[in-house]
Amino acid sequence: MGKTIKIGNEYMGEVVSEKYNPLIKRIELLIKISHIGKGTPSRGLVRKAIAEAYNVSIDRVYVRKIESEFGWGVTNVEAHIYDSVERAKKFEPEYIIKRNELATEALSVQQG
């Protein structure tokens, strides 16, 4: 794939896999973030960066999984970008929706 996403001021992510699921009407992403010597980026920061990179509203982006490889400074992210907010609410589990909303609220508190 090779598309890069700037995540905040300290991180860069590379889109490893991007495919459109026409049945559910969403883009399914796998992103690899290198952060040697730094902590794992927050869910809110990753969600915001994906929304900006794909030019969509943040409420259509859901980060499903953030998994760091111990000792490597590499994090794998699984995310979905829906065609509409309604589709997202229909297909994403409630706990994923809550987790993403809380992360975005925490990010806006930190930046505000």
C-alpha atoms as a PDB file:
ATOM      1  CA  MET A   1       0.000   0.000   0.000  1.00  0.00           C
ATOM      2  CA  GLY A   2       2.509   2.570   1.185  1.00  0.00           C
ATOM      3  CA  LYS A   3       0.220   5.509   2.098  1.00  0.00           C
ATOM      4  CA  THR A   4       1.567   7.354   5.135  1.00  0.00           C
ATOM      5  CA  ILE A   5      -0.468   9.075   7.819  1.00  0.00           C
ATOM      6  CA  LYS A   6       0.961  11.774  10.093  1.00  0.00           C
ATOM      7  CA  ILE A   7      -0.239  11.085  13.633  1.00  0.00           C
ATOM      8  CA  GLY A   8       0.216  14.119  15.839  1.00  0.00           C
ATOM      9  CA  ASN A   9       3.675  15.701  15.821  1.00  0.00           C
ATOM     10  CA  GLU A  10       5.646  12.620  16.815  1.00  0.00           C
ATOM     11  CA  TYR A  11       4.334   9.608  14.885  1.00  0.00           C
ATOM     12  CA  MET A  12       4.046   8.351  11.312  1.00  0.00           C
ATOM     13  CA  GLY A  13       1.806   5.480  10.294  1.00  0.00           C
ATOM     14  CA  GLU A  14       1.953   3.385   7.146  1.00  0.00           C
ATOM     15  CA  VAL A  15      -1.193   1.861   5.654  1.00  0.00           C
ATOM     16  CA  VAL A  16      -0.346  -1.832   5.243  1.00  0.00           C
ATOM     17  CA  SER A  17      -3.766  -2.871   3.944  1.00  0.00           C
ATOM     18  CA  GLU A  18      -6.768  -0.918   2.717  1.00  0.00           C
ATOM     19  CA  LYS A  19      -9.857  -2.556   1.279  1.00  0.00           C
ATOM     20  CA  TYR A  20     -13.415  -1.462   0.708  1.00  0.00           C
ATOM     21  CA  ASN A  21     -16.169  -3.753   1.976  1.00  0.00           C
ATOM     22  CA  PRO A  22     -19.173  -3.014  -0.285  1.00  0.00           C
ATOM     23  CA  LEU A  23     -21.583  -5.128   1.770  1.00  0.00           C
ATOM     24  CA  ILE A  24     -21.052  -3.151   4.968  1.00  0.00           C
ATOM     25  CA  LYS A  25     -20.033   0.057   3.141  1.00  0.00           C
ATOM     26  CA  ARG A  26     -16.765   0.720   4.945  1.00  0.00           C
ATOM     27  CA  ILE A  27     -13.026   0.940   4.316  1.00  0.00           C
ATOM     28  CA  GLU A  28     -11.080  -1.564   6.416  1.00  0.00           C
ATOM     29  CA  LEU A  29      -7.555  -0.437   7.312  1.00  0.00           C
ATOM     30  CA  LEU A  30      -4.471  -2.031   8.818  1.00  0.00           C
ATOM     31  CA  ILE A  31      -1.866   0.564   9.816  1.00  0.00           C
ATOM     32  CA  LYS A  32       1.643   0.069  11.192  1.00  0.00           C
ATOM     33  CA  ILE A  33       2.974   2.880  13.407  1.00  0.00           C
ATOM     34  CA  SER A  34       6.670   3.137  14.292  1.00  0.00           C
ATOM     35  CA  HIS A  35       7.403   4.825  17.618  1.00  0.00           C
ATOM     36  CA  ILE A  36      10.855   3.727  18.712  1.00  0.00           C
ATOM     37  CA  GLY A  37      11.711   5.359  22.034  1.00  0.00           C
ATOM     38  CA  LYS A  38       8.201   6.808  22.457  1.00  0.00           C
ATOM     39  CA  GLY A  39       4.979   5.504  23.975  1.00  0.00           C
ATOM     40  CA  THR A  40       2.087   4.055  22.002  1.00  0.00           C
ATOM     41  CA  PRO A  41      -0.061   6.811  20.451  1.00  0.00           C
ATOM     42  CA  SER A  42      -3.519   7.256  21.963  1.00  0.00           C
ATOM     43  CA  ARG A  43      -6.680   5.940  20.325  1.00  0.00           C
ATOM     44  CA  GLY A  44      -8.046   9.498  20.068  1.00  0.00           C
ATOM     45  CA  LEU A  45      -4.911  10.736  18.298  1.00  0.00           C
ATOM     46  CA  VAL A  46      -4.956   7.819  15.841  1.00  0.00           C
ATOM     47  CA  ARG A  47      -8.682   8.284  15.147  1.00  0.00           C
ATOM     48  CA  LYS A  48      -8.225  12.012  14.471  1.00  0.00           C
ATOM     49  CA  ALA A  49      -5.237  11.391  12.153  1.00  0.00           C
ATOM     50  CA  ILE A  50      -7.139   8.793  10.102  1.00  0.00           C
ATOM     51  CA  ALA A  51     -10.138  11.134   9.745  1.00  0.00           C
ATOM     52  CA  GLU A  52      -7.849  13.937   8.527  1.00  0.00           C
ATOM     53  CA  ALA A  53      -5.884  11.672   6.149  1.00  0.00           C
ATOM     54  CA  TYR A  54      -9.063  10.337   4.520  1.00  0.00           C
ATOM     55  CA  ASN A  55     -10.877  13.682   4.662  1.00  0.00           C
ATOM     56  CA  VAL A  56     -13.905  12.342   6.563  1.00  0.00           C
ATOM     57  CA  SER A  57     -15.620  13.387   9.788  1.00  0.00           C
ATOM     58  CA  ILE A  58     -14.183  11.786  12.913  1.00  0.00           C
ATOM     59  CA  ASP A  59     -17.529  10.194  13.830  1.00  0.00           C
ATOM     60  CA  ARG A  60     -17.256   7.881  10.782  1.00  0.00           C
ATOM     61  CA  VAL A  61     -13.860   6.490  11.918  1.00  0.00           C
ATOM     62  CA  TYR A  62     -13.581   3.680  14.452  1.00  0.00           C
ATOM     63  CA  VAL A  63     -10.280   2.319  15.757  1.00  0.00           C
ATOM     64  CA  ARG A  64     -10.997  -1.326  16.571  1.00  0.00           C
ATOM     65  CA  LYS A  65      -7.615  -2.459  17.842  1.00  0.00           C
ATOM     66  CA  ILE A  66      -4.280  -0.932  18.865  1.00  0.00           C
ATOM     67  CA  GLU A  67      -1.694  -3.638  19.495  1.00  0.00           C
ATOM     68  CA  SER A  68       1.934  -2.897  20.342  1.00  0.00           C
ATOM     69  CA  GLU A  69       4.687  -5.403  19.636  1.00  0.00           C
ATOM     70  CA  PHE A  70       6.577  -5.635  22.910  1.00  0.00           C
ATOM     71  CA  GLY A  71      10.116  -4.286  22.701  1.00  0.00           C
ATOM     72  CA  TRP A  72       9.897  -3.299  19.013  1.00  0.00           C
ATOM     73  CA  GLY A  73       8.449   0.222  19.078  1.00  0.00           C
ATOM     74  CA  VAL A  74       5.857  -0.833  16.499  1.00  0.00           C
ATOM     75  CA  THR A  75       2.086  -0.716  16.879  1.00  0.00           C
ATOM     76  CA  ASN A  76      -0.490  -2.336  14.609  1.00  0.00           C
ATOM     77  CA  VAL A  77      -3.841  -0.587  14.256  1.00  0.00           C
ATOM     78  CA  GLU A  78      -7.070  -1.972  12.845  1.00  0.00           C
ATOM     79  CA  ALA A  79      -9.619   0.713  11.886  1.00  0.00           C
ATOM     80  CA  HIS A  80     -12.838   1.126   9.913  1.00  0.00           C
ATOM     81  CA  ILE A  81     -14.087   4.178   7.993  1.00  0.00           C
ATOM     82  CA  TYR A  82     -17.805   4.006   7.289  1.00  0.00           C
ATOM     83  CA  ASP A  83     -19.715   5.671   4.442  1.00  0.00           C
ATOM     84  CA  SER A  84     -22.134   7.121   7.035  1.00  0.00           C
ATOM     85  CA  VAL A  85     -22.490   7.507  10.798  1.00  0.00           C
ATOM     86  CA  GLU A  86     -25.686   5.405  10.658  1.00  0.00           C
ATOM     87  CA  ARG A  87     -23.807   2.440   9.126  1.00  0.00           C
ATOM     88  CA  ALA A  88     -21.141   2.716  11.835  1.00  0.00           C
ATOM     89  CA  LYS A  89     -23.742   2.654  14.620  1.00  0.00           C
ATOM     90  CA  LYS A  90     -25.359  -0.379  12.986  1.00  0.00           C
ATOM     91  CA  PHE A  91     -22.214  -2.515  12.619  1.00  0.00           C
ATOM     92  CA  GLU A  92     -19.738  -1.487  15.328  1.00  0.00           C
ATOM     93  CA  PRO A  93     -20.222  -3.105  18.766  1.00  0.00           C
ATOM     94  CA  GLU A  94     -21.372  -0.717  21.499  1.00  0.00           C
ATOM     95  CA  TYR A  95     -18.106  -1.052  23.456  1.00  0.00           C
ATOM     96  CA  ILE A  96     -16.047  -0.023  20.380  1.00  0.00           C
ATOM     97  CA  ILE A  97     -18.278   3.034  19.841  1.00  0.00           C
ATOM     98  CA  LYS A  98     -17.948   4.063  23.509  1.00  0.00           C
ATOM     99  CA  ARG A  99     -14.182   3.442  23.560  1.00  0.00           C
ATOM    100  CA  ASN A 100     -13.672   5.669  20.491  1.00  0.00           C
ATOM    101  CA  GLU A 101     -15.970   8.440  21.747  1.00  0.00           C
ATOM    102  CA  LEU A 102     -14.226   8.529  25.132  1.00  0.00           C
ATOM    103  CA  ALA A 103     -10.791   8.617  23.459  1.00  0.00           C
ATOM    104  CA  THR A 104     -11.848  11.536  21.245  1.00  0.00           C
ATOM    105  CA  GLU A 105     -13.277  13.423  24.250  1.00  0.00           C
ATOM    106  CA  ALA A 106     -10.033  12.866  26.191  1.00  0.00           C
ATOM    107  CA  LEU A 107      -8.018  14.159  23.225  1.00  0.00           C
ATOM    108  CA  SER A 108     -10.096  17.348  22.937  1.00  0.00           C
ATOM    109  CA  VAL A 109      -9.692  17.954  26.700  1.00  0.00           C
ATOM    110  CA  GLN A 110      -5.887  17.554  26.399  1.00  0.00           C
ATOM    111  CA  GLN A 111      -5.668  19.896  23.400  1.00  0.00           C
ATOM    112  CA  GLY A 112      -8.198  22.432  24.713  1.00  0.00           C
END
